[in-house]
Amino acid sequence: MKELQISTYDRVLVLAPHPDDESMGCGGLLLKHPGQCEVIVLTDGRHGGLSGQDQQSVVAMRKSEFEKAMAYALVKRWFFLGVEDGKLSENFAKFSELDLSGYNIILCPFPGENHQDHTCVFDFLRKVKTQTQCKILGYEVWSTLSSPSHYIDISDVVNNKKRLIAFYKSQIVQVDYVAKVIGLNCFRGLLPYPAVKYAEAYQEL
């Protein structure tokens, strides 16, 4: 188990299947390295609203929540790929148009995630043959990593991460993601020795 080291010269890209995945899976990392991180949201999140909401308003709402979260985290560069929520696996051609060169670290959901939009991202990355020097790390949202290879101590920014996730009001009204994600981060604090209060876990892929 290694502590994830990010130098001041590294460019970091977080691939988020939906608006909020970046904050739940990598929020601590974003908060600790804001000037070095960029985020690409792959789907529009249209199916993540409450019953009866029209899809256009859900897309606009989730985009607004994401932009507020990124402003809070001081992440200055992001991009929306705009694939329909739930159909990412059918859109490799659109994913392949992304310019993924120039990054030292790319983070994506790990392949064992229990969500159809999450499981295909690493496979897409392999198909587009990102630069060999680039380290690819998997993060956890819907499922837990069985063998994490890296951790990052987020104890000093955990309250900020709670606020970051809380920007997604449309989502936390349905599920208390703040409590659930921070609970996982508390458990992940057992990874290093000696233990820390809160950590995010990653697996090198």
C-alpha atoms as a PDB file:
ATOM      1  CA  MET A   1       0.000   0.000   0.000  1.00  0.00           C
ATOM      2  CA  LYS A   2       1.505   3.308  -1.100  1.00  0.00           C
ATOM      3  CA  GLU A   3       0.581   6.892  -0.428  1.00  0.00           C
ATOM      4  CA  LEU A   4      -0.414   8.484  -3.723  1.00  0.00           C
ATOM      5  CA  GLN A   5       2.254  11.013  -4.593  1.00  0.00           C
ATOM      6  CA  ILE A   6       1.325  13.889  -6.903  1.00  0.00           C
ATOM      7  CA  SER A   7       4.130  16.281  -7.738  1.00  0.00           C
ATOM      8  CA  THR A   8       3.529  19.970  -8.363  1.00  0.00           C
ATOM      9  CA  TYR A   9       4.247  19.363 -12.057  1.00  0.00           C
ATOM     10  CA  ASP A  10       1.740  16.559 -12.601  1.00  0.00           C
ATOM     11  CA  ARG A  11      -1.388  17.072 -14.699  1.00  0.00           C
ATOM     12  CA  VAL A  12      -4.273  15.033 -13.335  1.00  0.00           C
ATOM     13  CA  LEU A  13      -7.491  14.124 -15.166  1.00  0.00           C
ATOM     14  CA  VAL A  14     -10.577  12.734 -13.446  1.00  0.00           C
ATOM     15  CA  LEU A  15     -13.075  10.951 -15.700  1.00  0.00           C
ATOM     16  CA  ALA A  16     -16.511  11.090 -14.075  1.00  0.00           C
ATOM     17  CA  PRO A  17     -19.350   9.052 -15.607  1.00  0.00           C
ATOM     18  CA  HIS A  18     -21.899  11.360 -13.965  1.00  0.00           C
ATOM     19  CA  PRO A  19     -21.874  14.779 -12.304  1.00  0.00           C
ATOM     20  CA  ASP A  20     -21.031  13.933  -8.648  1.00  0.00           C
ATOM     21  CA  ASP A  21     -18.824  10.848  -9.197  1.00  0.00           C
ATOM     22  CA  GLU A  22     -15.707  13.026  -9.241  1.00  0.00           C
ATOM     23  CA  SER A  23     -16.582  14.513  -5.845  1.00  0.00           C
ATOM     24  CA  MET A  24     -17.606  11.254  -4.198  1.00  0.00           C
ATOM     25  CA  GLY A  25     -14.683   9.213  -5.508  1.00  0.00           C
ATOM     26  CA  CYS A  26     -11.912  11.805  -5.774  1.00  0.00           C
ATOM     27  CA  GLY A  27     -13.174  14.859  -3.895  1.00  0.00           C
ATOM     28  CA  GLY A  28     -10.319  14.863  -1.410  1.00  0.00           C
ATOM     29  CA  LEU A  29      -7.753  14.645  -4.192  1.00  0.00           C
ATOM     30  CA  LEU A  30      -9.434  17.504  -6.080  1.00  0.00           C
ATOM     31  CA  LEU A  31      -9.434  19.665  -2.969  1.00  0.00           C
ATOM     32  CA  LYS A  32      -5.776  18.979  -2.201  1.00  0.00           C
ATOM     33  CA  HIS A  33      -4.542  19.565  -5.776  1.00  0.00           C
ATOM     34  CA  PRO A  34      -7.046  21.983  -7.362  1.00  0.00           C
ATOM     35  CA  GLY A  35      -4.695  23.746  -9.765  1.00  0.00           C
ATOM     36  CA  GLN A  36      -3.489  20.477 -11.258  1.00  0.00           C
ATOM     37  CA  CYS A  37      -6.775  18.649 -11.770  1.00  0.00           C
ATOM     38  CA  GLU A  38      -9.170  18.680 -14.693  1.00  0.00           C
ATOM     39  CA  VAL A  39     -12.500  16.860 -14.879  1.00  0.00           C
ATOM     40  CA  ILE A  40     -14.418  15.413 -17.809  1.00  0.00           C
ATOM     41  CA  VAL A  41     -18.041  14.457 -17.110  1.00  0.00           C
ATOM     42  CA  LEU A  42     -19.021  11.759 -19.567  1.00  0.00           C
ATOM     43  CA  THR A  43     -22.835  11.658 -19.328  1.00  0.00           C
ATOM     44  CA  ASP A  44     -25.513  14.306 -18.889  1.00  0.00           C
ATOM     45  CA  GLY A  45     -27.126  12.743 -15.802  1.00  0.00           C
ATOM     46  CA  ARG A  46     -30.628  13.052 -17.247  1.00  0.00           C
ATOM     47  CA  HIS A  47     -31.969   9.971 -15.471  1.00  0.00           C
ATOM     48  CA  GLY A  48     -30.832  11.087 -12.030  1.00  0.00           C
ATOM     49  CA  GLY A  49     -33.766  13.336 -11.209  1.00  0.00           C
ATOM     50  CA  LEU A  50     -36.830  12.808  -9.093  1.00  0.00           C
ATOM     51  CA  SER A  51     -39.910  11.082 -10.454  1.00  0.00           C
ATOM     52  CA  GLY A  52     -41.863  13.405 -12.735  1.00  0.00           C
ATOM     53  CA  GLN A  53     -39.022  15.810 -13.544  1.00  0.00           C
ATOM     54  CA  ASP A  54     -38.476  16.414 -17.234  1.00  0.00           C
ATOM     55  CA  GLN A  55     -35.071  15.391 -18.526  1.00  0.00           C
ATOM     56  CA  GLN A  56     -34.002  18.803 -19.828  1.00  0.00           C
ATOM     57  CA  SER A  57     -34.444  20.409 -16.423  1.00  0.00           C
ATOM     58  CA  VAL A  58     -32.569  17.531 -14.760  1.00  0.00           C
ATOM     59  CA  VAL A  59     -29.631  17.938 -17.165  1.00  0.00           C
ATOM     60  CA  ALA A  60     -29.494  21.696 -16.502  1.00  0.00           C
ATOM     61  CA  MET A  61     -29.777  21.195 -12.738  1.00  0.00           C
ATOM     62  CA  ARG A  62     -27.007  18.597 -12.575  1.00  0.00           C
ATOM     63  CA  LYS A  63     -24.720  20.695 -14.753  1.00  0.00           C
ATOM     64  CA  SER A  64     -25.279  23.676 -12.456  1.00  0.00           C
ATOM     65  CA  GLU A  65     -24.568  21.578  -9.358  1.00  0.00           C
ATOM     66  CA  PHE A  66     -21.356  20.275 -10.903  1.00  0.00           C
ATOM     67  CA  GLU A  67     -20.160  23.771 -11.846  1.00  0.00           C
ATOM     68  CA  LYS A  68     -20.799  25.036  -8.312  1.00  0.00           C
ATOM     69  CA  ALA A  69     -18.884  22.084  -6.877  1.00  0.00           C
ATOM     70  CA  MET A  70     -15.914  22.681  -9.176  1.00  0.00           C
ATOM     71  CA  ALA A  71     -15.877  26.383  -8.332  1.00  0.00           C
ATOM     72  CA  TYR A  72     -15.810  25.469  -4.635  1.00  0.00           C
ATOM     73  CA  ALA A  73     -12.936  23.032  -5.205  1.00  0.00           C
ATOM     74  CA  LEU A  74     -11.082  25.650  -7.299  1.00  0.00           C
ATOM     75  CA  VAL A  75     -10.937  23.294 -10.277  1.00  0.00           C
ATOM     76  CA  LYS A  76     -10.652  25.623 -13.246  1.00  0.00           C
ATOM     77  CA  ARG A  77     -10.901  23.286 -16.237  1.00  0.00           C
ATOM     78  CA  TRP A  78     -13.693  20.858 -16.982  1.00  0.00           C
ATOM     79  CA  PHE A  79     -15.618  19.502 -19.954  1.00  0.00           C
ATOM     80  CA  PHE A  80     -18.962  17.788 -20.561  1.00  0.00           C
ATOM     81  CA  LEU A  81     -18.956  14.976 -23.121  1.00  0.00           C
ATOM     82  CA  GLY A  82     -22.754  14.904 -23.059  1.00  0.00           C
ATOM     83  CA  VAL A  83     -23.518  11.221 -23.645  1.00  0.00           C
ATOM     84  CA  GLU A  84     -27.008  10.176 -22.576  1.00  0.00           C
ATOM     85  CA  ASP A  85     -27.050   8.918 -19.000  1.00  0.00           C
ATOM     86  CA  GLY A  86     -27.168   5.120 -18.984  1.00  0.00           C
ATOM     87  CA  LYS A  87     -25.772   4.699 -22.503  1.00  0.00           C
ATOM     88  CA  LEU A  88     -22.072   5.370 -22.076  1.00  0.00           C
ATOM     89  CA  SER A  89     -21.086   1.823 -23.050  1.00  0.00           C
ATOM     90  CA  GLU A  90     -22.680   2.406 -26.465  1.00  0.00           C
ATOM     91  CA  ASN A  91     -20.653   5.554 -27.141  1.00  0.00           C
ATOM     92  CA  PHE A  92     -17.013   4.565 -27.488  1.00  0.00           C
ATOM     93  CA  ALA A  93     -16.773   6.542 -30.750  1.00  0.00           C
ATOM     94  CA  LYS A  94     -17.639   9.759 -28.950  1.00  0.00           C
ATOM     95  CA  PHE A  95     -15.288   8.952 -26.059  1.00  0.00           C
ATOM     96  CA  SER A  96     -12.453   8.287 -28.509  1.00  0.00           C
ATOM     97  CA  GLU A  97     -12.668  11.902 -29.717  1.00  0.00           C
ATOM     98  CA  LEU A  98     -11.383  13.154 -26.350  1.00  0.00           C
ATOM     99  CA  ASP A  99      -7.812  14.433 -26.223  1.00  0.00           C
ATOM    100  CA  LEU A 100      -6.326  12.482 -23.312  1.00  0.00           C
ATOM    101  CA  SER A 101      -2.698  13.305 -24.042  1.00  0.00           C
ATOM    102  CA  GLY A 102      -0.424  15.275 -21.751  1.00  0.00           C
ATOM    103  CA  TYR A 103      -1.695  13.914 -18.431  1.00  0.00           C
ATOM    104  CA  ASN A 104       0.529  12.229 -15.877  1.00  0.00           C
ATOM    105  CA  ILE A 105      -2.344  10.629 -13.978  1.00  0.00           C
ATOM    106  CA  ILE A 106      -5.824   9.677 -15.170  1.00  0.00           C
ATOM    107  CA  LEU A 107      -8.451   8.549 -12.665  1.00  0.00           C
ATOM    108  CA  CYS A 108     -11.530   6.573 -13.629  1.00  0.00           C
ATOM    109  CA  PRO A 109     -14.018   4.287 -11.877  1.00  0.00           C
ATOM    110  CA  PHE A 110     -12.426   0.893 -11.330  1.00  0.00           C
ATOM    111  CA  PRO A 111     -13.744  -1.839 -13.670  1.00  0.00           C
ATOM    112  CA  GLY A 112     -15.591  -3.719 -10.915  1.00  0.00           C
ATOM    113  CA  GLU A 113     -18.002  -0.882 -10.163  1.00  0.00           C
ATOM    114  CA  ASN A 114     -21.654  -1.887  -9.895  1.00  0.00           C
ATOM    115  CA  HIS A 115     -22.943   0.613 -12.451  1.00  0.00           C
ATOM    116  CA  GLN A 116     -23.156   0.216 -16.225  1.00  0.00           C
ATOM    117  CA  ASP A 117     -21.795   3.695 -16.958  1.00  0.00           C
ATOM    118  CA  HIS A 118     -18.819   3.119 -14.660  1.00  0.00           C
ATOM    119  CA  THR A 119     -17.647  -0.311 -15.756  1.00  0.00           C
ATOM    120  CA  CYS A 120     -16.823   0.631 -19.364  1.00  0.00           C
ATOM    121  CA  VAL A 121     -14.559   3.646 -18.752  1.00  0.00           C
ATOM    122  CA  PHE A 122     -11.315   1.769 -18.129  1.00  0.00           C
ATOM    123  CA  ASP A 123     -11.965  -0.460 -21.135  1.00  0.00           C
ATOM    124  CA  PHE A 124     -12.460   2.676 -23.241  1.00  0.00           C
ATOM    125  CA  LEU A 125      -9.160   4.062 -21.946  1.00  0.00           C
ATOM    126  CA  ARG A 126      -7.324   0.905 -22.969  1.00  0.00           C
ATOM    127  CA  LYS A 127      -8.823   1.057 -26.447  1.00  0.00           C
ATOM    128  CA  VAL A 128      -7.708   4.634 -27.082  1.00  0.00           C
ATOM    129  CA  LYS A 129      -4.144   3.722 -26.031  1.00  0.00           C
ATOM    130  CA  THR A 130      -3.303   6.630 -23.756  1.00  0.00           C
ATOM    131  CA  GLN A 131       0.348   7.571 -23.479  1.00  0.00           C
ATOM    132  CA  THR A 132       2.425   4.848 -21.848  1.00  0.00           C
ATOM    133  CA  GLN A 133       3.919   7.207 -19.257  1.00  0.00           C
ATOM    134  CA  CYS A 134       0.449   7.952 -17.896  1.00  0.00           C
ATOM    135  CA  LYS A 135      -0.544   6.251 -14.627  1.00  0.00           C
ATOM    136  CA  ILE A 136      -4.183   5.118 -14.562  1.00  0.00           C
ATOM    137  CA  LEU A 137      -5.859   4.745 -11.190  1.00  0.00           C
ATOM    138  CA  GLY A 138      -9.294   3.376 -10.419  1.00  0.00           C
ATOM    139  CA  TYR A 139     -11.497   4.979  -7.771  1.00  0.00           C
ATOM    140  CA  GLU A 140     -14.546   3.652  -5.923  1.00  0.00           C
ATOM    141  CA  VAL A 141     -18.112   5.001  -5.801  1.00  0.00           C
ATOM    142  CA  TRP A 142     -20.721   2.245  -6.122  1.00  0.00           C
ATOM    143  CA  SER A 143     -18.482  -0.653  -5.144  1.00  0.00           C
ATOM    144  CA  THR A 144     -15.426  -1.036  -2.945  1.00  0.00           C
ATOM    145  CA  LEU A 145     -11.964  -1.893  -4.180  1.00  0.00           C
ATOM    146  CA  SER A 146     -10.846  -5.349  -3.107  1.00  0.00           C
ATOM    147  CA  SER A 147      -7.114  -4.606  -3.354  1.00  0.00           C
ATOM    148  CA  PRO A 148      -6.332  -0.875  -3.203  1.00  0.00           C
ATOM    149  CA  SER A 149      -2.784  -0.048  -4.228  1.00  0.00           C
ATOM    150  CA  HIS A 150      -2.719   3.615  -3.166  1.00  0.00           C
ATOM    151  CA  TYR A 151      -4.344   5.915  -0.661  1.00  0.00           C
ATOM    152  CA  ILE A 152      -4.453   9.627  -0.037  1.00  0.00           C
ATOM    153  CA  ASP A 153      -4.930  11.063   3.455  1.00  0.00           C
ATOM    154  CA  ILE A 154      -7.868  13.486   3.234  1.00  0.00           C
ATOM    155  CA  SER A 155      -8.242  14.137   6.967  1.00  0.00           C
ATOM    156  CA  ASP A 156      -7.331  17.801   6.526  1.00  0.00           C
ATOM    157  CA  VAL A 157     -10.006  18.393   3.854  1.00  0.00           C
ATOM    158  CA  VAL A 158     -12.761  15.981   4.905  1.00  0.00           C
ATOM    159  CA  ASN A 159     -15.144  18.758   5.976  1.00  0.00           C
ATOM    160  CA  ASN A 160     -14.575  20.450   2.629  1.00  0.00           C
ATOM    161  CA  LYS A 161     -15.357  17.154   0.895  1.00  0.00           C
ATOM    162  CA  LYS A 162     -18.642  16.976   2.791  1.00  0.00           C
ATOM    163  CA  ARG A 163     -19.524  20.441   1.473  1.00  0.00           C
ATOM    164  CA  LEU A 164     -18.399  19.456  -2.018  1.00  0.00           C
ATOM    165  CA  ILE A 165     -20.747  16.475  -2.171  1.00  0.00           C
ATOM    166  CA  ALA A 166     -23.540  18.552  -0.631  1.00  0.00           C
ATOM    167  CA  PHE A 167     -23.615  20.785  -3.727  1.00  0.00           C
ATOM    168  CA  TYR A 168     -25.425  17.906  -5.424  1.00  0.00           C
ATOM    169  CA  LYS A 169     -28.715  18.672  -3.731  1.00  0.00           C
ATOM    170  CA  SER A 170     -30.732  16.794  -6.349  1.00  0.00           C
ATOM    171  CA  GLN A 171     -28.866  13.620  -5.446  1.00  0.00           C
ATOM    172  CA  ILE A 172     -28.519  13.823  -1.675  1.00  0.00           C
ATOM    173  CA  VAL A 173     -32.249  14.453  -1.313  1.00  0.00           C
ATOM    174  CA  GLN A 174     -32.638  10.871  -2.567  1.00  0.00           C
ATOM    175  CA  VAL A 175     -29.676   9.240  -0.768  1.00  0.00           C
ATOM    176  CA  ASP A 176     -27.460  10.639   1.994  1.00  0.00           C
ATOM    177  CA  TYR A 177     -24.298  10.368  -0.086  1.00  0.00           C
ATOM    178  CA  VAL A 178     -22.384  12.624   2.287  1.00  0.00           C
ATOM    179  CA  ALA A 179     -22.728  10.202   5.185  1.00  0.00           C
ATOM    180  CA  LYS A 180     -22.163   7.112   3.059  1.00  0.00           C
ATOM    181  CA  VAL A 181     -19.080   8.385   1.211  1.00  0.00           C
ATOM    182  CA  ILE A 182     -17.459   9.897   4.285  1.00  0.00           C
ATOM    183  CA  GLY A 183     -18.188   6.668   6.160  1.00  0.00           C
ATOM    184  CA  LEU A 184     -16.235   4.784   3.498  1.00  0.00           C
ATOM    185  CA  ASN A 185     -13.412   7.325   3.727  1.00  0.00           C
ATOM    186  CA  CYS A 186     -13.335   6.825   7.501  1.00  0.00           C
ATOM    187  CA  PHE A 187     -13.009   3.066   7.006  1.00  0.00           C
ATOM    188  CA  ARG A 188     -10.306   3.601   4.381  1.00  0.00           C
ATOM    189  CA  GLY A 189      -8.314   5.410   7.041  1.00  0.00           C
ATOM    190  CA  LEU A 190      -7.323   1.924   8.188  1.00  0.00           C
ATOM    191  CA  LEU A 191      -5.295   1.373   5.006  1.00  0.00           C
ATOM    192  CA  PRO A 192      -2.041   3.104   6.015  1.00  0.00           C
ATOM    193  CA  TYR A 193      -0.036   2.180   9.065  1.00  0.00           C
ATOM    194  CA  PRO A 194      -0.331   3.955  11.361  1.00  0.00           C
ATOM    195  CA  ALA A 195      -3.972   4.608  10.519  1.00  0.00           C
ATOM    196  CA  VAL A 196      -5.275   8.054   9.573  1.00  0.00           C
ATOM    197  CA  LYS A 197      -8.735   9.492  10.218  1.00  0.00           C
ATOM    198  CA  TYR A 198      -9.961   9.656   6.614  1.00  0.00           C
ATOM    199  CA  ALA A 199      -8.549   8.416   3.330  1.00  0.00           C
ATOM    200  CA  GLU A 200      -9.496   7.842  -0.283  1.00  0.00           C
ATOM    201  CA  ALA A 201      -8.475   4.541  -1.858  1.00  0.00           C
ATOM    202  CA  TYR A 202      -7.252   3.958  -5.410  1.00  0.00           C
ATOM    203  CA  GLN A 203      -6.074   0.990  -7.440  1.00  0.00           C
ATOM    204  CA  GLU A 204      -3.424   1.230 -10.144  1.00  0.00           C
ATOM    205  CA  LEU A 205      -4.809  -0.319 -13.317  1.00  0.00           C
END
